[in-house]
Amino acid sequence: MRYIGWTLLIAFWVFVGAFLHYTLPQKDIVRVTGTEIIRKDFSGLSRLFYAQADSGDTDVGNRDLRLITTTRANGRVSVYRNEDTGFGWPPYFKLDSSNLQAEAAEVVSTKADPQWVIVTHYGWRSPFLSIYANAISLKPVDGPDASKGIPWVNIIVLTLLAASFYAIWFLWRRFRRARIDPRLEDLQDSWEAAGDAVQERRGRFRRWLDTWR
C-alpha cells in the first residue's frame, strides 16, 4: 500500500511538471529561414496539442497551419506553428497569428547574413506525434549570445503555484491534526482496550481450567 501511495505521488508530480513545461513560455534564439502554410488533418492523439482555429473561423477537422522554420546557432533546425490561442487555454490571448507570420517573413535571413531573433513559444516539438511548439512573439536581437531576459512570467506562476500547494498542505495538516489524528488515536485505543479485554478473559478462562486439573 505504501508503494502504491508513492507511485501515485510521483506520477502526480511528473504530470504537474510536464503540464507546466508544456504551458509556460520558453525562449529560443534562432534565425528564421522561411515560412510556409501546410494543410493539417487534426485527428488522433496529436489533436490535443493544437489550438483551435483562428479567432472568427470555424474549427474543422482539417485546416491550414502556419509554420515558421528556423535554425539555431548550433545548426539545429526548429519548426514552430503559428496559431491563435484566443481566449482558451493556455491563456496567452494570442489573436494576431497573421501579423506574426508577416513579421517572421520580414526577418528571414541566410547563414551568410544572419538576423537573429528571440522566439517566445510554448509547447513541444515531436516529429513522432507531428506536433510543433506554438510561437507567441518574435523579437530581433544582436546575436545568438544575446540575453533572453528574466523569465518573470515563469517566476510569478511558479511562485504562486508553490504558495498554493503550501497553503493546501498546511490546511490539510491542520485538519488532519484536529480531526483525523484524534479519531485514529481513539480507534487505536479502542482496539488496544478490546485486545486487553480479550487477553483478560483468556487469562480468567485458563485460571478456571487450572482449578479443575
N, C-alpha and C. Protein backbone atom coordinates (compact mmCIF):
# COMPACT_ATOMS: atom_id res chain seq x y z
N MET A 1 0.82 -1.20 0.00
CA MET A 1 0.00 0.00 0.00
C MET A 1 0.86 1.26 0.00
N ARG A 2 1.99 1.16 0.74
CA ARG A 2 2.89 2.31 0.81
C ARG A 2 3.50 2.60 -0.56
N TYR A 3 3.86 1.53 -1.30
CA TYR A 3 4.45 1.72 -2.63
C TYR A 3 3.43 2.31 -3.60
N ILE A 4 2.18 1.92 -3.46
CA ILE A 4 1.14 2.49 -4.32
C ILE A 4 1.00 3.98 -4.08
N GLY A 5 1.03 4.38 -2.81
CA GLY A 5 0.95 5.80 -2.48
C GLY A 5 2.10 6.59 -3.07
N TRP A 6 3.32 6.06 -2.94
CA TRP A 6 4.48 6.76 -3.50
C TRP A 6 4.41 6.82 -5.03
N THR A 7 3.94 5.74 -5.64
CA THR A 7 3.81 5.72 -7.10
C THR A 7 2.83 6.77 -7.58
N LEU A 8 1.68 6.85 -6.91
CA LEU A 8 0.69 7.86 -7.28
C LEU A 8 1.23 9.27 -7.06
N LEU A 9 1.97 9.48 -5.97
CA LEU A 9 2.53 10.81 -5.69
C LEU A 9 3.54 11.20 -6.75
N ILE A 10 4.43 10.27 -7.13
CA ILE A 10 5.43 10.56 -8.15
C ILE A 10 4.75 10.84 -9.49
N ALA A 11 3.73 10.02 -9.83
CA ALA A 11 3.01 10.22 -11.09
C ALA A 11 2.33 11.59 -11.12
N PHE A 12 1.78 12.00 -9.98
CA PHE A 12 1.13 13.31 -9.91
C PHE A 12 2.11 14.43 -10.18
N TRP A 13 3.29 14.39 -9.54
CA TRP A 13 4.26 15.47 -9.72
C TRP A 13 4.89 15.43 -11.11
N VAL A 14 5.03 14.25 -11.70
CA VAL A 14 5.51 14.17 -13.09
C VAL A 14 4.51 14.82 -14.03
N PHE A 15 3.22 14.57 -13.79
CA PHE A 15 2.17 15.18 -14.61
C PHE A 15 2.18 16.70 -14.46
N VAL A 16 2.30 17.17 -13.22
CA VAL A 16 2.34 18.62 -12.97
C VAL A 16 3.55 19.24 -13.66
N GLY A 17 4.72 18.60 -13.54
CA GLY A 17 5.92 19.13 -14.17
C GLY A 17 5.80 19.17 -15.69
N ALA A 18 5.26 18.11 -16.29
CA ALA A 18 5.08 18.09 -17.74
C ALA A 18 4.08 19.15 -18.19
N PHE A 19 3.00 19.31 -17.42
CA PHE A 19 1.99 20.31 -17.75
C PHE A 19 2.58 21.71 -17.73
N LEU A 20 3.37 22.01 -16.70
CA LEU A 20 3.99 23.33 -16.60
C LEU A 20 5.02 23.55 -17.70
N HIS A 21 5.81 22.52 -17.99
CA HIS A 21 6.83 22.64 -19.03
C HIS A 21 6.19 22.89 -20.39
N TYR A 22 5.03 22.29 -20.63
CA TYR A 22 4.34 22.49 -21.90
C TYR A 22 3.69 23.87 -21.97
N THR A 23 3.13 24.33 -20.85
CA THR A 23 2.30 25.53 -20.86
C THR A 23 3.08 26.83 -20.69
N LEU A 24 4.10 26.83 -19.84
CA LEU A 24 4.82 28.07 -19.55
C LEU A 24 5.66 28.51 -20.75
N PRO A 25 5.84 29.82 -20.92
CA PRO A 25 6.59 30.33 -22.08
C PRO A 25 8.08 29.99 -22.00
N GLN A 26 8.65 29.71 -23.16
CA GLN A 26 10.08 29.47 -23.29
C GLN A 26 10.61 30.35 -24.41
N LYS A 27 11.91 30.60 -24.40
CA LYS A 27 12.51 31.49 -25.40
C LYS A 27 13.70 30.81 -26.06
N ASP A 28 13.73 30.91 -27.39
CA ASP A 28 14.85 30.38 -28.19
C ASP A 28 15.40 31.50 -29.06
N ILE A 29 16.73 31.55 -29.19
CA ILE A 29 17.36 32.48 -30.12
C ILE A 29 17.66 31.72 -31.40
N VAL A 30 17.03 32.14 -32.47
CA VAL A 30 17.11 31.42 -33.74
C VAL A 30 17.24 32.39 -34.91
N ARG A 31 17.48 31.81 -36.07
CA ARG A 31 17.47 32.56 -37.33
C ARG A 31 16.33 32.02 -38.18
N VAL A 32 15.39 32.87 -38.58
CA VAL A 32 14.25 32.43 -39.37
C VAL A 32 14.72 32.15 -40.79
N THR A 33 14.42 30.95 -41.26
CA THR A 33 14.84 30.55 -42.61
C THR A 33 13.69 30.49 -43.60
N GLY A 34 12.46 30.56 -43.11
CA GLY A 34 11.34 30.53 -44.04
C GLY A 34 10.01 30.42 -43.31
N THR A 35 8.95 30.65 -44.04
CA THR A 35 7.59 30.48 -43.54
C THR A 35 6.80 29.70 -44.58
N GLU A 36 5.85 28.93 -44.13
CA GLU A 36 5.02 28.16 -45.05
C GLU A 36 3.68 27.87 -44.42
N ILE A 37 2.75 27.43 -45.25
CA ILE A 37 1.42 27.04 -44.79
C ILE A 37 1.14 25.64 -45.33
N ILE A 38 0.80 24.72 -44.43
CA ILE A 38 0.50 23.36 -44.84
C ILE A 38 -0.94 23.03 -44.47
N ARG A 39 -1.48 22.03 -45.13
CA ARG A 39 -2.82 21.55 -44.80
C ARG A 39 -2.67 20.44 -43.77
N LYS A 40 -3.29 20.61 -42.62
CA LYS A 40 -3.11 19.69 -41.50
C LYS A 40 -4.43 19.01 -41.15
N ASP A 41 -4.36 17.69 -40.99
CA ASP A 41 -5.50 16.91 -40.55
C ASP A 41 -5.41 16.75 -39.04
N PHE A 42 -6.37 17.29 -38.31
CA PHE A 42 -6.34 17.27 -36.84
C PHE A 42 -7.18 16.08 -36.35
N SER A 43 -6.50 14.99 -36.11
CA SER A 43 -7.17 13.78 -35.63
C SER A 43 -6.19 12.99 -34.78
N GLY A 44 -6.72 12.06 -34.01
CA GLY A 44 -5.87 11.23 -33.18
C GLY A 44 -5.34 11.97 -31.96
N LEU A 45 -4.26 11.41 -31.40
CA LEU A 45 -3.68 11.95 -30.18
C LEU A 45 -3.12 13.35 -30.37
N SER A 46 -2.58 13.65 -31.54
CA SER A 46 -1.95 14.96 -31.77
C SER A 46 -2.94 16.11 -31.67
N ARG A 47 -4.24 15.82 -31.82
CA ARG A 47 -5.25 16.89 -31.75
C ARG A 47 -5.22 17.62 -30.41
N LEU A 48 -4.81 16.94 -29.36
CA LEU A 48 -4.76 17.55 -28.03
C LEU A 48 -3.73 18.68 -27.95
N PHE A 49 -2.74 18.66 -28.85
CA PHE A 49 -1.64 19.61 -28.76
C PHE A 49 -1.78 20.79 -29.72
N TYR A 50 -2.94 20.96 -30.31
CA TYR A 50 -3.15 22.08 -31.22
C TYR A 50 -4.25 22.98 -30.67
N ALA A 51 -4.12 24.26 -30.97
CA ALA A 51 -5.13 25.23 -30.57
C ALA A 51 -6.31 25.13 -31.53
N GLN A 52 -7.34 25.91 -31.26
CA GLN A 52 -8.48 25.95 -32.15
C GLN A 52 -8.15 26.80 -33.38
N ALA A 53 -9.10 26.86 -34.29
CA ALA A 53 -8.90 27.68 -35.48
C ALA A 53 -8.75 29.15 -35.10
N ASP A 54 -8.26 29.97 -36.05
CA ASP A 54 -8.09 31.39 -35.78
C ASP A 54 -9.41 32.01 -35.33
N SER A 55 -9.29 33.05 -34.52
CA SER A 55 -10.48 33.73 -34.00
C SER A 55 -11.37 34.19 -35.15
N GLY A 56 -12.64 33.84 -35.07
CA GLY A 56 -13.59 34.21 -36.11
C GLY A 56 -13.81 33.13 -37.15
N ASP A 57 -12.93 32.09 -37.17
CA ASP A 57 -13.08 30.99 -38.12
C ASP A 57 -13.72 29.79 -37.45
N THR A 58 -14.28 28.89 -38.27
CA THR A 58 -14.89 27.68 -37.76
C THR A 58 -13.83 26.60 -37.58
N ASP A 59 -13.89 25.92 -36.44
CA ASP A 59 -12.92 24.87 -36.15
C ASP A 59 -13.39 23.58 -36.84
N VAL A 60 -12.60 23.09 -37.80
CA VAL A 60 -12.96 21.90 -38.57
C VAL A 60 -11.88 20.84 -38.39
N GLY A 61 -12.13 19.67 -38.99
CA GLY A 61 -11.20 18.56 -38.83
C GLY A 61 -9.86 18.75 -39.49
N ASN A 62 -9.81 19.55 -40.56
CA ASN A 62 -8.53 19.86 -41.20
C ASN A 62 -8.56 21.32 -41.67
N ARG A 63 -7.41 21.95 -41.60
CA ARG A 63 -7.32 23.37 -41.96
C ARG A 63 -5.87 23.72 -42.23
N ASP A 64 -5.66 24.93 -42.69
CA ASP A 64 -4.30 25.41 -42.95
C ASP A 64 -3.57 25.67 -41.64
N LEU A 65 -2.31 25.32 -41.61
CA LEU A 65 -1.49 25.53 -40.43
C LEU A 65 -0.25 26.31 -40.82
N ARG A 66 -0.05 27.46 -40.19
CA ARG A 66 1.13 28.29 -40.46
C ARG A 66 2.34 27.73 -39.73
N LEU A 67 3.45 27.66 -40.42
CA LEU A 67 4.70 27.18 -39.82
C LEU A 67 5.79 28.22 -40.02
N ILE A 68 6.69 28.30 -39.05
CA ILE A 68 7.87 29.16 -39.12
C ILE A 68 9.08 28.26 -38.94
N THR A 69 9.92 28.18 -39.97
CA THR A 69 11.10 27.33 -39.90
C THR A 69 12.30 28.18 -39.50
N THR A 70 13.11 27.62 -38.60
CA THR A 70 14.25 28.38 -38.05
C THR A 70 15.46 27.46 -37.90
N THR A 71 16.59 28.09 -37.64
CA THR A 71 17.83 27.38 -37.37
C THR A 71 18.52 28.04 -36.19
N ARG A 72 19.03 27.24 -35.27
CA ARG A 72 19.75 27.77 -34.11
C ARG A 72 21.22 27.97 -34.44
N ALA A 73 21.94 28.56 -33.51
CA ALA A 73 23.36 28.85 -33.74
C ALA A 73 24.17 27.58 -33.91
N ASN A 74 23.75 26.48 -33.28
CA ASN A 74 24.47 25.21 -33.40
C ASN A 74 24.08 24.42 -34.64
N GLY A 75 23.23 25.01 -35.49
CA GLY A 75 22.82 24.35 -36.71
C GLY A 75 21.58 23.50 -36.59
N ARG A 76 21.04 23.38 -35.39
CA ARG A 76 19.84 22.57 -35.18
C ARG A 76 18.61 23.29 -35.73
N VAL A 77 17.78 22.54 -36.44
CA VAL A 77 16.58 23.11 -37.04
C VAL A 77 15.41 23.06 -36.06
N SER A 78 14.64 24.13 -35.99
CA SER A 78 13.44 24.19 -35.16
C SER A 78 12.29 24.69 -36.01
N VAL A 79 11.15 24.02 -35.88
CA VAL A 79 9.95 24.42 -36.61
C VAL A 79 8.86 24.74 -35.59
N TYR A 80 8.23 25.91 -35.77
CA TYR A 80 7.17 26.35 -34.87
C TYR A 80 5.87 26.50 -35.65
N ARG A 81 4.78 26.18 -35.01
CA ARG A 81 3.48 26.51 -35.59
C ARG A 81 3.10 27.92 -35.16
N ASN A 82 2.14 28.49 -35.84
CA ASN A 82 1.73 29.86 -35.56
C ASN A 82 0.20 29.89 -35.54
N GLU A 83 -0.38 29.65 -34.36
CA GLU A 83 -1.82 29.56 -34.20
C GLU A 83 -2.32 30.55 -33.16
N ASP A 84 -3.54 31.03 -33.36
CA ASP A 84 -4.20 31.83 -32.32
C ASP A 84 -4.56 30.93 -31.14
N THR A 85 -4.39 31.47 -29.94
CA THR A 85 -4.89 30.77 -28.76
C THR A 85 -6.25 31.32 -28.33
N GLY A 86 -6.57 32.52 -28.82
CA GLY A 86 -7.86 33.11 -28.46
C GLY A 86 -7.97 33.33 -26.96
N PHE A 87 -9.16 33.03 -26.45
CA PHE A 87 -9.39 33.17 -25.01
C PHE A 87 -9.46 31.83 -24.32
N GLY A 88 -8.90 30.81 -24.99
CA GLY A 88 -8.88 29.47 -24.41
C GLY A 88 -7.60 29.21 -23.65
N TRP A 89 -7.24 27.94 -23.56
CA TRP A 89 -6.04 27.52 -22.83
C TRP A 89 -4.96 27.11 -23.81
N PRO A 90 -3.72 27.47 -23.54
CA PRO A 90 -3.22 28.30 -22.43
C PRO A 90 -3.57 29.78 -22.64
N PRO A 91 -3.64 30.53 -21.56
CA PRO A 91 -4.18 31.91 -21.63
C PRO A 91 -3.18 32.94 -22.13
N TYR A 92 -2.76 32.81 -23.38
CA TYR A 92 -1.86 33.80 -23.97
C TYR A 92 -2.62 34.89 -24.72
N PHE A 93 -3.90 34.64 -24.97
CA PHE A 93 -4.77 35.62 -25.65
C PHE A 93 -4.14 36.09 -26.97
N LYS A 94 -3.60 35.14 -27.71
CA LYS A 94 -2.96 35.45 -28.99
C LYS A 94 -4.03 35.50 -30.08
N LEU A 95 -4.12 36.65 -30.75
CA LEU A 95 -5.14 36.87 -31.78
C LEU A 95 -4.54 37.39 -33.09
N ASP A 96 -3.20 37.40 -33.17
CA ASP A 96 -2.55 38.06 -34.31
C ASP A 96 -1.61 37.13 -35.06
N SER A 97 -2.03 35.91 -35.31
CA SER A 97 -1.16 34.96 -35.99
C SER A 97 -0.76 35.44 -37.38
N SER A 98 -1.69 36.07 -38.10
CA SER A 98 -1.37 36.58 -39.43
C SER A 98 -0.27 37.64 -39.37
N ASN A 99 -0.36 38.53 -38.39
CA ASN A 99 0.67 39.56 -38.24
C ASN A 99 2.02 38.95 -37.89
N LEU A 100 1.99 37.93 -37.01
CA LEU A 100 3.24 37.28 -36.62
C LEU A 100 3.88 36.58 -37.81
N GLN A 101 3.04 36.00 -38.68
CA GLN A 101 3.58 35.34 -39.87
C GLN A 101 4.26 36.36 -40.78
N ALA A 102 3.67 37.55 -40.89
CA ALA A 102 4.27 38.61 -41.70
C ALA A 102 5.59 39.08 -41.07
N GLU A 103 5.62 39.20 -39.74
CA GLU A 103 6.86 39.60 -39.06
C GLU A 103 7.96 38.57 -39.30
N ALA A 104 7.59 37.29 -39.25
CA ALA A 104 8.58 36.23 -39.47
C ALA A 104 9.11 36.29 -40.90
N ALA A 105 8.22 36.55 -41.86
CA ALA A 105 8.66 36.63 -43.26
C ALA A 105 9.64 37.78 -43.47
N GLU A 106 9.49 38.85 -42.72
CA GLU A 106 10.36 40.02 -42.88
C GLU A 106 11.77 39.79 -42.34
N VAL A 107 11.92 38.86 -41.38
CA VAL A 107 13.24 38.65 -40.77
C VAL A 107 13.89 37.37 -41.28
N VAL A 108 13.39 36.81 -42.38
CA VAL A 108 14.04 35.65 -42.98
C VAL A 108 15.46 36.05 -43.41
N SER A 109 16.44 35.24 -43.05
CA SER A 109 17.83 35.58 -43.35
C SER A 109 18.60 34.33 -43.74
N THR A 110 19.79 34.55 -44.25
CA THR A 110 20.65 33.46 -44.69
C THR A 110 21.78 33.24 -43.68
N LYS A 111 22.49 32.13 -43.87
CA LYS A 111 23.62 31.83 -42.99
C LYS A 111 24.74 32.85 -43.16
N ALA A 112 24.87 33.37 -44.38
CA ALA A 112 25.93 34.36 -44.64
C ALA A 112 25.62 35.71 -44.02
N ASP A 113 24.36 36.06 -43.93
CA ASP A 113 23.94 37.35 -43.37
C ASP A 113 22.78 37.10 -42.40
N PRO A 114 23.07 36.57 -41.22
CA PRO A 114 22.01 36.15 -40.31
C PRO A 114 21.34 37.31 -39.58
N GLN A 115 20.05 37.15 -39.33
CA GLN A 115 19.28 38.05 -38.47
C GLN A 115 18.71 37.20 -37.34
N TRP A 116 19.21 37.41 -36.14
CA TRP A 116 18.81 36.58 -35.01
C TRP A 116 17.60 37.19 -34.31
N VAL A 117 16.71 36.31 -33.87
CA VAL A 117 15.50 36.75 -33.17
C VAL A 117 15.25 35.83 -31.98
N ILE A 118 14.56 36.36 -30.99
CA ILE A 118 14.09 35.54 -29.88
C ILE A 118 12.66 35.13 -30.18
N VAL A 119 12.43 33.83 -30.23
CA VAL A 119 11.08 33.29 -30.42
C VAL A 119 10.55 32.88 -29.05
N THR A 120 9.49 33.54 -28.62
CA THR A 120 8.79 33.13 -27.39
C THR A 120 7.70 32.15 -27.79
N HIS A 121 7.68 31.01 -27.14
CA HIS A 121 6.75 29.96 -27.54
C HIS A 121 6.34 29.13 -26.33
N TYR A 122 5.37 28.27 -26.54
CA TYR A 122 5.02 27.25 -25.55
C TYR A 122 4.80 25.95 -26.30
N GLY A 123 4.81 24.84 -25.58
CA GLY A 123 4.55 23.55 -26.21
C GLY A 123 5.81 22.79 -26.53
N TRP A 124 5.63 21.67 -27.22
CA TRP A 124 6.73 20.76 -27.57
C TRP A 124 6.77 20.51 -29.06
N ARG A 125 7.95 20.17 -29.54
CA ARG A 125 8.12 19.70 -30.91
C ARG A 125 8.38 18.20 -30.87
N SER A 126 7.53 17.42 -31.52
CA SER A 126 7.67 15.97 -31.55
C SER A 126 7.40 15.48 -32.97
N PRO A 127 8.44 15.07 -33.71
CA PRO A 127 8.21 14.50 -35.04
C PRO A 127 7.35 13.25 -34.99
N PHE A 128 7.47 12.47 -33.92
CA PHE A 128 6.69 11.23 -33.80
C PHE A 128 5.20 11.52 -33.75
N LEU A 129 4.81 12.54 -32.96
CA LEU A 129 3.40 12.90 -32.84
C LEU A 129 2.98 13.95 -33.86
N SER A 130 3.95 14.45 -34.62
CA SER A 130 3.70 15.50 -35.62
C SER A 130 3.08 16.74 -34.97
N ILE A 131 3.73 17.22 -33.89
CA ILE A 131 3.27 18.41 -33.20
C ILE A 131 4.41 19.43 -33.16
N TYR A 132 4.05 20.69 -33.01
CA TYR A 132 5.01 21.79 -33.02
C TYR A 132 4.72 22.72 -31.84
N ALA A 133 5.78 23.34 -31.33
CA ALA A 133 5.58 24.40 -30.34
C ALA A 133 4.92 25.58 -31.03
N ASN A 134 4.09 26.31 -30.29
CA ASN A 134 3.35 27.44 -30.84
C ASN A 134 4.10 28.75 -30.56
N ALA A 135 4.51 29.44 -31.61
CA ALA A 135 5.22 30.71 -31.45
C ALA A 135 4.26 31.80 -30.99
N ILE A 136 4.68 32.58 -30.02
CA ILE A 136 3.85 33.65 -29.46
C ILE A 136 4.32 35.02 -29.96
N SER A 137 5.62 35.21 -30.04
CA SER A 137 6.14 36.51 -30.49
C SER A 137 7.56 36.35 -31.01
N LEU A 138 7.99 37.36 -31.78
CA LEU A 138 9.35 37.43 -32.29
C LEU A 138 9.97 38.76 -31.88
N LYS A 139 11.26 38.71 -31.50
CA LYS A 139 11.95 39.93 -31.12
C LYS A 139 13.38 39.89 -31.66
N PRO A 140 13.74 40.82 -32.55
CA PRO A 140 15.11 40.84 -33.09
C PRO A 140 16.14 41.12 -31.98
N VAL A 141 17.29 40.44 -32.08
CA VAL A 141 18.39 40.64 -31.13
C VAL A 141 19.68 40.76 -31.92
N ASP A 142 20.74 41.17 -31.23
CA ASP A 142 22.01 41.44 -31.90
C ASP A 142 22.73 40.18 -32.35
N GLY A 143 22.58 39.09 -31.59
CA GLY A 143 23.31 37.88 -31.95
C GLY A 143 22.81 36.67 -31.19
N PRO A 144 23.37 35.50 -31.47
CA PRO A 144 22.91 34.27 -30.82
C PRO A 144 23.24 34.21 -29.33
N ASP A 145 24.14 35.08 -28.87
CA ASP A 145 24.52 35.09 -27.46
C ASP A 145 23.80 36.19 -26.68
N ALA A 146 22.79 36.80 -27.27
CA ALA A 146 22.06 37.88 -26.60
C ALA A 146 21.30 37.33 -25.39
N SER A 147 21.05 38.21 -24.44
CA SER A 147 20.31 37.82 -23.24
C SER A 147 18.84 37.58 -23.58
N LYS A 148 18.29 36.54 -23.00
CA LYS A 148 16.87 36.24 -23.19
C LYS A 148 15.98 36.97 -22.19
N GLY A 149 16.59 37.67 -21.25
CA GLY A 149 15.82 38.39 -20.25
C GLY A 149 15.44 37.49 -19.08
N ILE A 150 14.87 38.10 -18.08
CA ILE A 150 14.43 37.37 -16.88
C ILE A 150 13.04 36.80 -17.12
N PRO A 151 12.84 35.52 -16.91
CA PRO A 151 11.52 34.90 -17.15
C PRO A 151 10.53 35.23 -16.03
N TRP A 152 10.06 36.47 -16.02
CA TRP A 152 9.19 36.91 -14.93
C TRP A 152 7.90 36.12 -14.87
N VAL A 153 7.32 35.80 -16.03
CA VAL A 153 6.05 35.06 -16.04
C VAL A 153 6.23 33.71 -15.35
N ASN A 154 7.29 33.00 -15.72
CA ASN A 154 7.55 31.70 -15.11
C ASN A 154 7.77 31.81 -13.61
N ILE A 155 8.54 32.84 -13.21
CA ILE A 155 8.83 33.03 -11.79
C ILE A 155 7.55 33.30 -11.02
N ILE A 156 6.71 34.18 -11.54
CA ILE A 156 5.47 34.53 -10.84
C ILE A 156 4.52 33.33 -10.76
N VAL A 157 4.36 32.63 -11.89
CA VAL A 157 3.44 31.48 -11.90
C VAL A 157 3.93 30.39 -10.96
N LEU A 158 5.21 30.07 -11.02
CA LEU A 158 5.74 29.01 -10.15
C LEU A 158 5.68 29.41 -8.68
N THR A 159 5.91 30.69 -8.39
CA THR A 159 5.82 31.16 -7.00
C THR A 159 4.39 31.05 -6.48
N LEU A 160 3.43 31.50 -7.29
CA LEU A 160 2.03 31.40 -6.88
C LEU A 160 1.59 29.95 -6.73
N LEU A 161 2.06 29.10 -7.64
CA LEU A 161 1.70 27.68 -7.56
C LEU A 161 2.29 27.03 -6.32
N ALA A 162 3.57 27.34 -6.03
CA ALA A 162 4.20 26.80 -4.83
C ALA A 162 3.48 27.28 -3.58
N ALA A 163 3.09 28.57 -3.56
CA ALA A 163 2.36 29.10 -2.41
C ALA A 163 1.01 28.41 -2.25
N SER A 164 0.35 28.14 -3.38
CA SER A 164 -0.95 27.46 -3.32
C SER A 164 -0.81 26.05 -2.79
N PHE A 165 0.19 25.31 -3.27
CA PHE A 165 0.41 23.95 -2.78
C PHE A 165 0.77 23.95 -1.30
N TYR A 166 1.58 24.94 -0.89
CA TYR A 166 1.94 25.02 0.53
C TYR A 166 0.71 25.32 1.38
N ALA A 167 -0.14 26.23 0.91
CA ALA A 167 -1.36 26.57 1.67
C ALA A 167 -2.28 25.36 1.79
N ILE A 168 -2.43 24.61 0.69
CA ILE A 168 -3.27 23.41 0.73
C ILE A 168 -2.68 22.38 1.70
N TRP A 169 -1.34 22.19 1.61
CA TRP A 169 -0.69 21.23 2.51
C TRP A 169 -0.83 21.67 3.97
N PHE A 170 -0.67 22.97 4.24
CA PHE A 170 -0.78 23.48 5.61
C PHE A 170 -2.19 23.28 6.16
N LEU A 171 -3.21 23.61 5.34
CA LEU A 171 -4.59 23.44 5.79
C LEU A 171 -4.92 21.97 6.00
N TRP A 172 -4.44 21.12 5.10
CA TRP A 172 -4.68 19.69 5.26
C TRP A 172 -4.02 19.16 6.54
N ARG A 173 -2.80 19.65 6.84
CA ARG A 173 -2.10 19.21 8.04
C ARG A 173 -2.86 19.63 9.30
N ARG A 174 -3.37 20.87 9.30
CA ARG A 174 -4.15 21.33 10.45
C ARG A 174 -5.43 20.51 10.60
N PHE A 175 -6.10 20.26 9.48
CA PHE A 175 -7.33 19.48 9.53
C PHE A 175 -7.06 18.06 10.01
N ARG A 176 -5.95 17.46 9.56
CA ARG A 176 -5.63 16.10 9.97
C ARG A 176 -5.33 16.04 11.46
N ARG A 177 -4.56 17.03 11.95
CA ARG A 177 -4.24 17.04 13.37
C ARG A 177 -5.46 17.28 14.23
N ALA A 178 -6.40 18.13 13.75
CA ALA A 178 -7.57 18.48 14.55
C ALA A 178 -8.68 17.44 14.45
N ARG A 179 -8.83 16.78 13.30
CA ARG A 179 -9.98 15.92 13.08
C ARG A 179 -9.63 14.44 12.93
N ILE A 180 -8.63 14.16 12.10
CA ILE A 180 -8.36 12.77 11.74
C ILE A 180 -7.49 12.08 12.79
N ASP A 181 -6.39 12.71 13.20
CA ASP A 181 -5.48 12.07 14.15
C ASP A 181 -6.17 11.70 15.46
N PRO A 182 -6.99 12.59 16.06
CA PRO A 182 -7.68 12.18 17.30
C PRO A 182 -8.60 10.98 17.08
N ARG A 183 -9.29 10.92 15.95
CA ARG A 183 -10.16 9.77 15.66
C ARG A 183 -9.34 8.49 15.54
N LEU A 184 -8.19 8.59 14.86
CA LEU A 184 -7.34 7.42 14.72
C LEU A 184 -6.79 6.97 16.07
N GLU A 185 -6.42 7.95 16.91
CA GLU A 185 -5.93 7.59 18.24
C GLU A 185 -7.03 6.94 19.07
N ASP A 186 -8.25 7.48 18.98
CA ASP A 186 -9.37 6.86 19.71
C ASP A 186 -9.63 5.45 19.20
N LEU A 187 -9.56 5.27 17.88
CA LEU A 187 -9.77 3.95 17.31
C LEU A 187 -8.69 2.98 17.76
N GLN A 188 -7.43 3.47 17.79
CA GLN A 188 -6.34 2.62 18.24
C GLN A 188 -6.51 2.26 19.72
N ASP A 189 -6.91 3.25 20.53
CA ASP A 189 -7.14 2.96 21.94
C ASP A 189 -8.26 1.94 22.12
N SER A 190 -9.29 2.05 21.29
CA SER A 190 -10.40 1.09 21.39
C SER A 190 -9.93 -0.32 21.04
N TRP A 191 -9.12 -0.42 19.98
CA TRP A 191 -8.60 -1.73 19.62
C TRP A 191 -7.71 -2.29 20.70
N GLU A 192 -6.86 -1.41 21.29
CA GLU A 192 -5.98 -1.88 22.36
C GLU A 192 -6.79 -2.31 23.58
N ALA A 193 -7.84 -1.53 23.91
CA ALA A 193 -8.70 -1.90 25.04
C ALA A 193 -9.42 -3.22 24.79
N ALA A 194 -9.88 -3.38 23.54
CA ALA A 194 -10.54 -4.65 23.20
C ALA A 194 -9.57 -5.81 23.30
N GLY A 195 -8.33 -5.57 22.84
CA GLY A 195 -7.33 -6.63 22.92
C GLY A 195 -7.00 -6.97 24.36
N ASP A 196 -6.91 -5.95 25.22
CA ASP A 196 -6.65 -6.20 26.64
C ASP A 196 -7.80 -6.99 27.27
N ALA A 197 -9.03 -6.65 26.89
CA ALA A 197 -10.18 -7.37 27.44
C ALA A 197 -10.17 -8.83 27.02
N VAL A 198 -9.81 -9.09 25.77
CA VAL A 198 -9.73 -10.48 25.30
C VAL A 198 -8.66 -11.24 26.05
N GLN A 199 -7.50 -10.60 26.23
CA GLN A 199 -6.42 -11.24 26.96
C GLN A 199 -6.83 -11.52 28.41
N GLU A 200 -7.56 -10.58 29.00
CA GLU A 200 -8.02 -10.78 30.39
C GLU A 200 -8.98 -11.96 30.48
N ARG A 201 -9.88 -12.06 29.51
CA ARG A 201 -10.83 -13.17 29.51
C ARG A 201 -10.13 -14.50 29.29
N ARG A 202 -9.12 -14.52 28.40
CA ARG A 202 -8.36 -15.74 28.21
C ARG A 202 -7.65 -16.15 29.49
N GLY A 203 -7.10 -15.13 30.20
CA GLY A 203 -6.42 -15.43 31.45
C GLY A 203 -7.36 -16.01 32.49
N ARG A 204 -8.56 -15.44 32.57
CA ARG A 204 -9.55 -15.97 33.52
C ARG A 204 -9.95 -17.39 33.16
N PHE A 205 -10.12 -17.63 31.83
CA PHE A 205 -10.52 -18.97 31.41
C PHE A 205 -9.43 -19.99 31.72
N ARG A 206 -8.17 -19.61 31.51
CA ARG A 206 -7.08 -20.52 31.83
C ARG A 206 -7.00 -20.79 33.33
N ARG A 207 -7.19 -19.75 34.14
CA ARG A 207 -7.16 -19.96 35.59
C ARG A 207 -8.31 -20.86 36.04
N TRP A 208 -9.46 -20.71 35.37
CA TRP A 208 -10.60 -21.57 35.73
C TRP A 208 -10.32 -23.02 35.36
N LEU A 209 -9.65 -23.21 34.20
CA LEU A 209 -9.27 -24.59 33.82
C LEU A 209 -8.26 -25.17 34.77
N ASP A 210 -7.32 -24.30 35.24
CA ASP A 210 -6.31 -24.81 36.17
C ASP A 210 -6.93 -25.28 37.47
N THR A 211 -8.03 -24.69 37.89
CA THR A 211 -8.66 -25.12 39.16
C THR A 211 -9.30 -26.49 39.03
N TRP A 212 -9.60 -26.97 37.79
CA TRP A 212 -10.23 -28.27 37.60
C TRP A 212 -9.24 -29.35 37.19
N ARG A 213 -7.97 -29.00 37.10
CA ARG A 213 -6.98 -30.03 36.77
C ARG A 213 -6.51 -30.75 38.01
